[in-house]
Amino acid sequence: MNVLISNDDGYLSEGIAVLARVTAEFANVRVVAPERDRSGVSNSLTLERPLQLKQAQNGFYYVNGTPTDCIHIGQSVFSDFQADFVFSGINRGANMGDDTLYSGTVAAATEAYLMGIPAVAFSLNDASGRYWATAEKALWTLLAHFFKNPPQSPILWNINIPAVAPEDVRGIKIARLGRRHHGQNVIPARNPRGEQIYWIGPVGEVSDREEGTDFGECGAGFITVTPLQIDLTAYPDMAETAAFWHTD
């Protein structure tokens, strides 16, 4: 089996090295990742300039584009490699709740899913660098189960690994997405020339972390698995919307 691996933290990140190393114990691996950190770019494509594909000394390939670009390049340019699965990550920091809409890690998996390829996004609920051993051990457990009976149809799973010691991981739970508060997060400042500039600030506080959510269960020490879907249609609102637009 062939697994195409990407991320949004860039090809030099610790997380993608862990993901590639462990996955290689179960399948053939090809890494195609952004040349630099592209966190928060969501599903964007690079359309205003051409892309380049280069290979690093560690064997990983990198692209001067987005995670979504990487999936397209990875599936298009290699005559010797077509992915049976796509893995994205391991992201340095969680991708839960509303954050999945902005995540380049989730976007890479989403693009593969749209191509009909089973895809999984992996994230670690920590940005300090202290819990990579937990991530690696959790990944072994997850992939051993995954490849024992691999999905036969396209799936899109978002997995978050808790920030606890390896021995303190409490198991795996299927969880729904939680929610964040979305408030004002634009921070005004001045550049060295005195010109007005603006920073997009930190994400909002979690507003829904109850039992059964990814925020709640991962925070309690569980690996969370959330199945995602692409269809954004608000089906319960279809009749009301039709009534609004009805004209005689």
Foldseek 3Di string as FASTA:
>chain_A
DEEEEEEQAAPPDPWSVLVQVLVVVPHHYAYEYAHHHRFQQAQDWDDPDDKDWDADPVGHIYIPIALNVRLVCVCPPDPVDHHQEYEYDQAQAAQFAPSCRRGSQLNNQVSCLVVWHAYERHYEHHNPPPAVVLVNVVVNVVVVVCSVDPDPTHWRKYKYAAPDHNVQQPEEDEAEGFHFDADDQWDWDADPVRDIDIDRHDTGHTDGQDPRHPNVVSPVRYIYMYTDDDDPDPVVCPVVVCVVPDDD
